[in-house]
């Protein structure tokens, strides 16, 4: 059972990487996409969580890691995708700060997320 759960967590991270690539985030250019583009890619990938549901949570980072069982790498990728979208700046900043605090609290320093500050 534990192996199955770990495979599912890895699968979520890979799906987020595929979305980031499709949106142009992993190319060295500056991505230019909207939240509508992000939602469309998330829907196509059949992620086991809804983007609107995540964003409506009081603590989206906790929801992603505890409920959706997103790995640390998946969390980094998810925040990176949202940070480069047209999401409201206040929401992006709050998500980024929460993710950094969560990862730092675990002793897992994220160069990717700290570089976005």
Protein backbone atom coordinates (compact mmCIF):
# COMPACT_ATOMS: atom_id res chain seq x y z
CA UNK A 1 0.00 0.00 0.00
CA UNK A 2 2.84 2.40 0.87
CA UNK A 3 4.46 1.80 -2.55
CA UNK A 4 1.18 2.60 -4.27
CA UNK A 5 0.83 5.87 -2.36
CA UNK A 6 4.41 6.87 -3.17
CA UNK A 7 3.86 6.10 -6.87
CA UNK A 8 0.70 8.23 -6.86
CA UNK A 9 2.55 11.13 -5.23
CA UNK A 10 5.31 10.87 -7.85
CA UNK A 11 2.68 10.75 -10.59
CA UNK A 12 1.17 14.03 -9.37
CA UNK A 13 4.58 15.69 -9.48
CA UNK A 14 5.18 14.45 -13.02
CA UNK A 15 1.78 15.72 -14.14
CA UNK A 16 2.60 19.16 -12.73
CA UNK A 17 5.92 19.13 -14.59
CA UNK A 18 4.13 18.30 -17.84
CA UNK A 19 1.73 21.20 -17.27
CA UNK A 20 4.64 23.55 -16.57
CA UNK A 21 6.33 22.48 -19.80
CA UNK A 22 3.13 22.96 -21.83
CA UNK A 23 2.69 26.44 -20.38
CA UNK A 24 6.29 27.31 -21.30
CA UNK A 25 7.46 27.66 -17.73
CA UNK A 26 10.41 25.30 -18.16
CA UNK A 27 11.70 27.04 -21.28
CA UNK A 28 14.16 29.76 -20.47
CA UNK A 29 11.78 32.49 -21.60
CA UNK A 30 9.26 34.36 -19.51
CA UNK A 31 5.95 32.51 -19.59
CA UNK A 32 2.83 34.35 -20.61
CA UNK A 33 -0.35 32.58 -19.64
CA UNK A 34 -3.55 33.20 -17.76
CA UNK A 35 -5.25 31.31 -14.97
CA UNK A 36 -7.71 30.10 -17.62
CA UNK A 37 -4.77 28.43 -19.41
CA UNK A 38 -3.61 26.88 -16.13
CA UNK A 39 -7.11 25.58 -15.32
CA UNK A 40 -7.47 24.13 -18.82
CA UNK A 41 -4.16 22.27 -18.52
CA UNK A 42 -5.06 21.01 -15.04
CA UNK A 43 -8.40 19.75 -16.35
CA UNK A 44 -6.73 17.98 -19.31
CA UNK A 45 -4.30 16.27 -16.96
CA UNK A 46 -7.09 15.00 -14.69
CA UNK A 47 -5.36 16.03 -11.48
CA UNK A 48 -7.13 14.65 -8.40
CA UNK A 49 -7.83 18.17 -7.12
CA UNK A 50 -9.61 21.17 -8.55
CA UNK A 51 -7.62 24.40 -8.85
CA UNK A 52 -10.55 26.56 -7.73
CA UNK A 53 -11.06 24.34 -4.69
CA UNK A 54 -7.38 24.64 -3.77
CA UNK A 55 -7.40 28.44 -4.10
CA UNK A 56 -10.54 28.74 -1.98
CA UNK A 57 -8.95 26.93 0.97
CA UNK A 58 -7.97 28.93 4.02
CA UNK A 59 -4.51 27.34 3.78
CA UNK A 60 -3.99 26.03 0.22
CA UNK A 61 -0.47 24.72 0.93
CA UNK A 62 -1.70 22.56 3.81
CA UNK A 63 -4.58 21.33 1.63
CA UNK A 64 -2.18 20.32 -1.14
CA UNK A 65 0.24 18.42 1.07
CA UNK A 66 -2.23 16.89 3.53
CA UNK A 67 -5.35 16.28 1.45
CA UNK A 68 -4.01 16.00 -2.11
CA UNK A 69 -0.76 14.36 -0.85
CA UNK A 70 1.44 16.53 -3.08
CA UNK A 71 5.17 15.92 -2.71
CA UNK A 72 7.61 18.73 -1.88
CA UNK A 73 8.73 18.82 -5.52
CA UNK A 74 5.12 18.85 -6.70
CA UNK A 75 4.37 21.73 -4.33
CA UNK A 76 7.32 23.71 -5.70
CA UNK A 77 6.16 23.12 -9.27
CA UNK A 78 2.55 24.00 -8.44
CA UNK A 79 3.55 27.30 -6.79
CA UNK A 80 5.95 28.09 -9.64
CA UNK A 81 3.15 27.59 -12.19
CA UNK A 82 0.76 29.85 -10.29
CA UNK A 83 3.45 32.45 -9.59
CA UNK A 84 4.03 32.94 -13.33
CA UNK A 85 0.35 33.28 -14.17
CA UNK A 86 -1.95 36.28 -14.04
CA UNK A 87 -3.26 35.31 -10.61
CA UNK A 88 -3.73 38.25 -8.23
CA UNK A 89 -0.34 39.39 -6.88
CA UNK A 90 -1.50 39.24 -3.26
CA UNK A 91 -2.65 35.63 -3.66
CA UNK A 92 0.60 34.67 -5.40
CA UNK A 93 2.69 36.26 -2.66
CA UNK A 94 0.69 34.56 0.10
CA UNK A 95 0.97 31.16 -1.60
CA UNK A 96 4.69 31.61 -2.15
CA UNK A 97 5.32 32.65 1.45
CA UNK A 98 3.22 29.76 2.83
CA UNK A 99 5.00 27.21 0.63
CA UNK A 100 8.43 28.55 1.62
CA UNK A 101 7.48 28.48 5.31
CA UNK A 102 6.16 24.91 4.98
CA UNK A 103 9.27 23.63 3.19
CA UNK A 104 11.69 25.56 5.42
CA UNK A 105 9.87 24.18 8.47
CA UNK A 106 10.57 20.67 7.20
CA UNK A 107 14.23 21.54 6.68
CA UNK A 108 13.82 21.43 2.91
CA UNK A 109 15.25 24.60 1.36
CA UNK A 110 13.72 25.40 -2.05
CA UNK A 111 16.09 27.33 -4.30
CA UNK A 112 13.32 27.53 -6.90
CA UNK A 113 10.81 29.20 -4.58
CA UNK A 114 13.33 31.43 -2.80
CA UNK A 115 14.46 32.73 -6.20
CA UNK A 116 10.92 34.00 -6.85
CA UNK A 117 10.98 36.38 -3.89
